[in-house]
Amino acid sequence: MSVGTAPIILALVLVAMTAAMAGSPAPPAGLLPEAAAGWRLVEIASFDRTDLFSYIDGGAEVYLAYAFRRVWVGTYRAEGRPAIAVEVYDMATSDDAYGVLSVDPTGERVAIGSSARYGAGLLRFCKGRWFVRVLADQENLQTRAAVTMLGKQVAAAVTEEAPPPALLKLLPAAGLIPDTTTFFHTHITLNQLCYLGEGNPLRLGPETSGALASYRVGSTQAKLLLIAYPSAKAARAARDSFVEQYLKANPAPKGPVLRRLADGTYAGVYMQEARLLTVLGAKSAQAAGALLSRAHLMSR
């Protein structure tokens, strides 16, 4: 055995021992590279829906609100340098991988995988059904190079390619503010982005899909919410619930419902087949109605 191969073999032995001790399946081939820029993989941990809280205390809800299956976490070390962690999340679908990434659109855009962002030593991107985080304990030129290289290796190992969720194509382009669009399913995620209260007036759940985005309406801004339900019956029930619980109004048989809220802003909702179009935070009834009309014409 040559001196050069010894560290690699030692790292692989440690990886095998760690996976065996954890009793969890090994990561798919290539998704945790052996080494990059002097950093080597020395440990693997794995978590699923039953124990994700033990790894991300206080942050697991973000992933559990989507169809998250399992995450593999690789620890990379280089002598005298900060550690780097590579987290590879199996989100079950490409839509949900995009969704988790879209919850936080901050950071510098980089050309790795899909919609990649980098900031303060953290790289995030999605590709296919995979959502990936690569994080250095400390950021410097060396760790940024290693984080970037590790991200590129993970992205190269994923053969799946997928476009953004189809629901996003129904959002009007006119007035859309860049980097404000989020794809989600549940009330938990929506409340993190736009608080609607402790209840669930829109009757959101794993079977619903939603897109939330910010728009310019004249000289003001408002949020547009587009939700797809499994049936027109479910959409109608959600519409009536939202009108009664959030807008504090009586549901009308047809057409949009607009109301001024206690904070002085305007909100509205319109049902279109099995979808709801909802405007939040508009500065006037005219602005709310204009955005609802714009979304209605786009999503027909």
Protein backbone atom coordinates (compact mmCIF):
# COMPACT_ATOMS: atom_id res chain seq x y z
CA MET A 1 0.00 0.00 0.00
CA SER A 2 1.39 3.43 -0.94
CA VAL A 3 1.47 6.30 1.55
CA GLY A 4 -0.82 8.31 -0.75
CA THR A 5 -3.61 5.73 -0.71
CA ALA A 6 -3.61 5.19 3.06
CA PRO A 7 -5.71 8.27 3.97
CA ILE A 8 -8.29 7.39 1.35
CA ILE A 9 -8.62 3.83 2.58
CA LEU A 10 -8.82 5.03 6.19
CA ALA A 11 -11.58 7.46 5.28
CA LEU A 12 -13.57 4.77 3.49
CA VAL A 13 -13.20 2.42 6.45
CA LEU A 14 -14.49 5.14 8.78
CA VAL A 15 -17.40 5.79 6.43
CA ALA A 16 -18.34 2.11 6.33
CA MET A 17 -18.09 1.82 10.11
CA THR A 18 -20.22 4.92 10.65
CA ALA A 19 -22.96 3.74 8.27
CA ALA A 20 -22.99 0.28 9.85
CA MET A 21 -23.18 1.71 13.38
CA ALA A 22 -26.04 3.98 12.40
CA GLY A 23 -27.95 1.07 10.91
CA SER A 24 -29.11 3.24 8.01
CA PRO A 25 -28.84 2.71 4.26
CA ALA A 26 -25.71 3.94 2.52
CA PRO A 27 -26.01 7.11 0.44
CA PRO A 28 -26.52 6.73 -3.31
CA ALA A 29 -23.26 6.44 -5.20
CA GLY A 30 -21.40 9.69 -5.71
CA LEU A 31 -23.67 11.90 -3.62
CA LEU A 32 -21.05 12.14 -0.88
CA PRO A 33 -17.70 12.54 -2.68
CA GLU A 34 -14.59 10.99 -1.15
CA ALA A 35 -12.54 14.19 -1.20
CA ALA A 36 -12.24 17.73 -2.55
CA ALA A 37 -9.53 20.40 -2.36
CA GLY A 38 -7.73 18.65 0.50
CA TRP A 39 -10.83 17.82 2.55
CA ARG A 40 -11.70 14.14 3.01
CA LEU A 41 -14.90 12.38 3.99
CA VAL A 42 -14.47 10.94 7.48
CA GLU A 43 -18.00 10.33 8.75
CA ILE A 44 -21.55 9.73 7.50
CA ALA A 45 -24.76 10.12 9.45
CA SER A 46 -28.31 9.59 8.23
CA PHE A 47 -31.72 10.78 9.43
CA ASP A 48 -35.29 10.18 8.28
CA ARG A 49 -38.68 11.65 9.18
CA THR A 50 -38.66 9.94 12.57
CA ASP A 51 -35.43 11.41 13.90
CA LEU A 52 -34.66 14.53 11.84
CA PHE A 53 -35.27 16.66 14.94
CA SER A 54 -32.22 15.08 16.55
CA TYR A 55 -30.10 16.61 13.78
CA ILE A 56 -31.93 19.89 13.12
CA ASP A 57 -33.46 20.91 16.43
CA GLY A 58 -35.98 23.63 15.68
CA GLY A 59 -35.54 23.51 11.90
CA ALA A 60 -36.87 20.09 10.94
CA GLU A 61 -40.36 21.49 10.29
CA VAL A 62 -39.12 23.13 7.11
CA TYR A 63 -38.36 19.71 5.59
CA LEU A 64 -41.19 17.74 7.17
CA ALA A 65 -43.69 20.14 5.59
CA TYR A 66 -42.60 18.62 2.26
CA ALA A 67 -42.28 14.97 1.19
CA PHE A 68 -38.82 14.61 2.78
CA ARG A 69 -37.63 11.01 3.05
CA ARG A 70 -34.04 10.98 4.33
CA VAL A 71 -30.90 13.08 4.59
CA TRP A 72 -27.32 11.85 4.46
CA VAL A 73 -24.75 14.06 6.18
CA GLY A 74 -21.09 13.74 5.30
CA THR A 75 -18.40 15.35 7.48
CA TYR A 76 -15.24 16.44 5.71
CA ARG A 77 -11.99 17.34 7.45
CA ALA A 78 -8.59 18.71 6.49
CA GLU A 79 -5.78 19.11 8.99
CA GLY A 80 -5.74 22.55 10.56
CA ARG A 81 -8.80 23.74 8.61
CA PRO A 82 -12.51 24.18 9.43
CA ALA A 83 -14.78 21.17 8.96
CA ILE A 84 -17.26 21.05 6.10
CA ALA A 85 -20.63 19.25 6.11
CA VAL A 86 -22.44 18.03 3.00
CA GLU A 87 -26.16 17.39 3.51
CA VAL A 88 -28.01 15.56 0.75
CA TYR A 89 -31.79 15.50 1.20
CA ASP A 90 -34.02 13.07 -0.66
CA MET A 91 -37.18 15.16 -1.07
CA ALA A 92 -39.10 12.47 -3.02
CA THR A 93 -40.02 14.84 -5.87
CA SER A 94 -38.26 17.56 -7.82
CA ASP A 95 -41.09 19.96 -6.95
CA ASP A 96 -40.41 19.51 -3.24
CA ALA A 97 -36.64 19.84 -3.67
CA TYR A 98 -37.30 23.16 -5.40
CA GLY A 99 -39.80 24.07 -2.69
CA VAL A 100 -37.38 23.67 0.21
CA LEU A 101 -34.80 25.76 -1.63
CA SER A 102 -37.37 28.44 -2.47
CA VAL A 103 -38.24 29.03 1.20
CA ASP A 104 -35.00 31.03 1.54
CA PRO A 105 -33.93 32.72 -1.74
CA THR A 106 -31.09 34.74 -0.18
CA GLY A 107 -27.46 34.52 -1.24
CA GLU A 108 -25.29 34.96 -4.31
CA ARG A 109 -26.38 33.08 -7.41
CA VAL A 110 -23.88 30.43 -8.53
CA ALA A 111 -23.91 27.99 -11.44
CA ILE A 112 -24.27 24.67 -9.61
CA GLY A 113 -27.26 22.35 -10.00
CA SER A 114 -30.47 24.37 -10.14
CA SER A 115 -31.17 27.76 -8.53
CA ALA A 116 -27.98 27.56 -6.46
CA ARG A 117 -27.23 30.17 -3.78
CA TYR A 118 -24.05 30.82 -1.82
CA GLY A 119 -23.47 33.01 1.22
CA ALA A 120 -21.37 33.00 4.42
CA GLY A 121 -19.87 29.57 3.75
CA LEU A 122 -23.20 27.93 2.84
CA LEU A 123 -24.04 26.59 -0.62
CA ARG A 124 -27.62 25.46 -1.35
CA PHE A 125 -29.04 24.02 -4.55
CA CYS A 126 -31.46 21.44 -5.90
CA LYS A 127 -31.23 18.98 -8.75
CA GLY A 128 -33.89 16.42 -9.54
CA ARG A 129 -35.43 15.26 -6.28
CA TRP A 130 -32.33 16.21 -4.28
CA PHE A 131 -31.84 19.30 -2.14
CA VAL A 132 -28.22 19.88 -1.13
CA ARG A 133 -26.53 22.01 1.53
CA VAL A 134 -22.74 22.33 1.79
CA LEU A 135 -21.62 24.28 4.85
CA ALA A 136 -18.17 25.22 6.18
CA ASP A 137 -17.69 25.87 9.90
CA GLN A 138 -15.80 29.03 8.94
CA GLU A 139 -15.63 30.87 5.63
CA ASN A 140 -12.36 31.75 3.95
CA LEU A 141 -10.96 31.45 0.43
CA GLN A 142 -9.95 27.82 1.00
CA THR A 143 -13.27 26.68 2.44
CA ARG A 144 -15.22 28.50 -0.26
CA ALA A 145 -13.20 26.67 -2.93
CA ALA A 146 -13.78 23.33 -1.20
CA VAL A 147 -17.51 23.99 -0.65
CA THR A 148 -17.88 24.90 -4.32
CA MET A 149 -15.96 21.84 -5.50
CA LEU A 150 -17.95 19.51 -3.27
CA GLY A 151 -21.19 21.03 -4.55
CA LYS A 152 -20.14 20.55 -8.15
CA GLN A 153 -19.23 16.92 -7.50
CA VAL A 154 -22.59 16.21 -5.88
CA ALA A 155 -24.45 17.95 -8.72
CA ALA A 156 -22.48 15.97 -11.31
CA ALA A 157 -23.44 12.70 -9.60
CA VAL A 158 -27.17 13.46 -9.94
CA THR A 159 -28.43 12.42 -13.36
CA GLU A 160 -31.99 13.67 -12.78
CA GLU A 161 -33.00 16.95 -14.38
CA ALA A 162 -36.31 18.65 -13.71
CA PRO A 163 -37.92 22.03 -14.41
CA PRO A 164 -39.40 24.17 -11.64
CA PRO A 165 -42.90 23.16 -10.47
CA ALA A 166 -45.50 23.49 -13.24
CA LEU A 167 -47.75 25.55 -10.93
CA LEU A 168 -45.27 28.44 -11.14
CA LYS A 169 -46.03 28.83 -14.85
CA LEU A 170 -49.53 29.99 -13.90
CA LEU A 171 -48.19 33.02 -12.05
CA PRO A 172 -48.38 36.22 -14.12
CA ALA A 173 -44.98 37.58 -15.17
CA ALA A 174 -46.03 41.23 -15.20
CA GLY A 175 -45.02 42.90 -11.96
CA LEU A 176 -43.43 39.80 -10.43
CA ILE A 177 -40.62 40.79 -8.06
CA PRO A 178 -37.56 38.55 -8.64
CA ASP A 179 -36.57 36.00 -6.00
CA THR A 180 -39.88 36.16 -4.12
CA THR A 181 -41.58 32.99 -5.41
CA THR A 182 -41.99 30.05 -3.04
CA PHE A 183 -43.52 26.63 -3.73
CA PHE A 184 -45.12 24.88 -0.75
CA HIS A 185 -47.85 22.53 0.46
CA THR A 186 -48.82 23.22 4.04
CA HIS A 187 -50.03 25.98 6.34
CA ILE A 188 -46.82 25.60 8.36
CA THR A 189 -44.71 26.80 5.44
CA LEU A 190 -47.14 29.53 4.45
CA ASN A 191 -47.18 30.93 7.98
CA GLN A 192 -43.39 31.18 7.92
CA LEU A 193 -43.64 33.33 4.81
CA CYS A 194 -46.93 35.18 5.34
CA TYR A 195 -48.64 34.74 8.68
CA LEU A 196 -52.35 33.94 8.42
CA GLY A 197 -52.93 32.94 12.04
CA GLU A 198 -52.92 29.75 14.05
CA GLY A 199 -55.78 28.15 12.16
CA ASN A 200 -55.69 26.79 8.65
CA PRO A 201 -58.26 28.95 6.83
CA LEU A 202 -57.11 27.83 3.37
CA ARG A 203 -57.28 24.14 4.34
CA LEU A 204 -53.77 23.41 3.17
CA GLY A 205 -52.17 19.99 3.47
CA PRO A 206 -49.86 17.50 1.75
CA GLU A 207 -52.42 17.09 -1.05
CA THR A 208 -52.41 20.81 -1.94
CA SER A 209 -49.73 22.74 -3.83
CA GLY A 210 -49.21 26.46 -3.51
CA ALA A 211 -47.11 29.26 -4.94
CA LEU A 212 -46.59 32.56 -3.13
CA ALA A 213 -44.97 35.57 -4.83
CA SER A 214 -44.67 39.33 -4.37
CA TYR A 215 -45.84 41.75 -7.06
CA ARG A 216 -45.62 45.41 -7.88
CA VAL A 217 -49.07 46.90 -8.38
CA GLY A 218 -48.66 50.48 -9.53
CA SER A 219 -46.46 52.17 -6.91
CA THR A 220 -47.27 49.57 -4.23
CA GLN A 221 -46.67 45.89 -3.55
CA ALA A 222 -48.88 42.93 -2.70
CA LYS A 223 -48.60 39.16 -2.37
CA LEU A 224 -50.29 36.73 -4.72
CA LEU A 225 -51.10 33.24 -3.55
CA LEU A 226 -52.07 30.49 -6.01
CA ILE A 227 -53.23 27.18 -4.56
CA ALA A 228 -54.15 24.00 -6.42
CA TYR A 229 -56.58 21.61 -4.68
CA PRO A 230 -57.34 17.97 -5.52
CA SER A 231 -60.88 18.89 -6.60
CA ALA A 232 -63.20 21.82 -7.20
CA LYS A 233 -65.17 20.71 -4.14
CA ALA A 234 -62.08 20.99 -1.96
CA ALA A 235 -61.24 24.39 -3.45
CA ARG A 236 -64.77 25.65 -2.76
CA ALA A 237 -64.62 24.50 0.86
CA ALA A 238 -61.27 26.24 1.28
CA ARG A 239 -62.59 29.42 -0.33
CA ASP A 240 -65.58 29.55 2.01
CA SER A 241 -63.35 28.85 5.01
CA PHE A 242 -60.92 31.64 4.04
CA VAL A 243 -63.73 34.15 3.44
CA GLU A 244 -65.34 33.40 6.79
CA GLN A 245 -62.25 32.97 8.98
CA TYR A 246 -59.76 35.41 7.46
CA LEU A 247 -61.80 37.97 5.53
CA LYS A 248 -64.60 37.91 8.13
CA ALA A 249 -67.23 38.01 5.40
CA ASN A 250 -70.06 35.88 4.09
CA PRO A 251 -69.08 33.72 1.11
CA ALA A 252 -70.58 34.92 -2.16
CA PRO A 253 -71.87 32.32 -4.64
CA LYS A 254 -69.52 33.44 -7.40
CA GLY A 255 -66.90 36.03 -8.23
CA PRO A 256 -64.09 37.58 -6.20
CA VAL A 257 -64.43 38.59 -2.55
CA LEU A 258 -62.42 41.66 -1.43
CA ARG A 259 -62.21 43.00 2.11
CA ARG A 260 -60.31 45.62 4.10
CA LEU A 261 -58.58 43.99 7.08
CA ALA A 262 -57.98 45.35 10.56
CA ASP A 263 -54.42 46.39 9.68
CA GLY A 264 -55.70 48.61 6.86
CA THR A 265 -54.56 46.37 4.01
CA TYR A 266 -56.85 44.62 1.54
CA ALA A 267 -57.15 40.92 0.81
CA GLY A 268 -59.19 39.02 -1.71
CA VAL A 269 -59.89 35.57 -3.08
CA TYR A 270 -61.23 34.15 -6.31
CA MET A 271 -61.98 30.51 -7.13
CA GLN A 272 -61.15 29.13 -10.54
CA GLU A 273 -62.07 25.46 -11.00
CA ALA A 274 -59.87 23.57 -8.50
CA ARG A 275 -57.61 26.57 -7.78
CA LEU A 276 -57.79 29.58 -5.48
CA LEU A 277 -56.25 32.94 -6.33
CA THR A 278 -55.64 35.01 -3.22
CA VAL A 279 -54.23 38.52 -2.79
CA LEU A 280 -52.73 39.59 0.54
CA GLY A 281 -51.31 42.87 1.80
CA ALA A 282 -52.65 45.13 -0.95
CA LYS A 283 -52.73 48.85 -0.14
CA SER A 284 -56.11 49.44 -1.76
CA ALA A 285 -59.15 47.59 -3.03
CA GLN A 286 -58.18 48.66 -6.55
CA ALA A 287 -54.70 47.13 -6.17
CA ALA A 288 -56.14 43.88 -4.80
CA GLY A 289 -58.67 43.65 -7.60
CA ALA A 290 -56.10 44.45 -10.29
CA LEU A 291 -53.75 41.71 -9.11
CA LEU A 292 -56.56 39.17 -8.84
CA SER A 293 -57.65 40.05 -12.39
CA ARG A 294 -54.08 39.75 -13.67
CA ALA A 295 -53.69 36.31 -12.08
CA HIS A 296 -57.10 35.15 -13.32
CA LEU A 297 -56.25 35.99 -16.93
CA MET A 298 -52.88 34.23 -16.66
CA SER A 299 -54.13 31.02 -15.02
CA ARG A 300 -57.17 30.35 -17.19
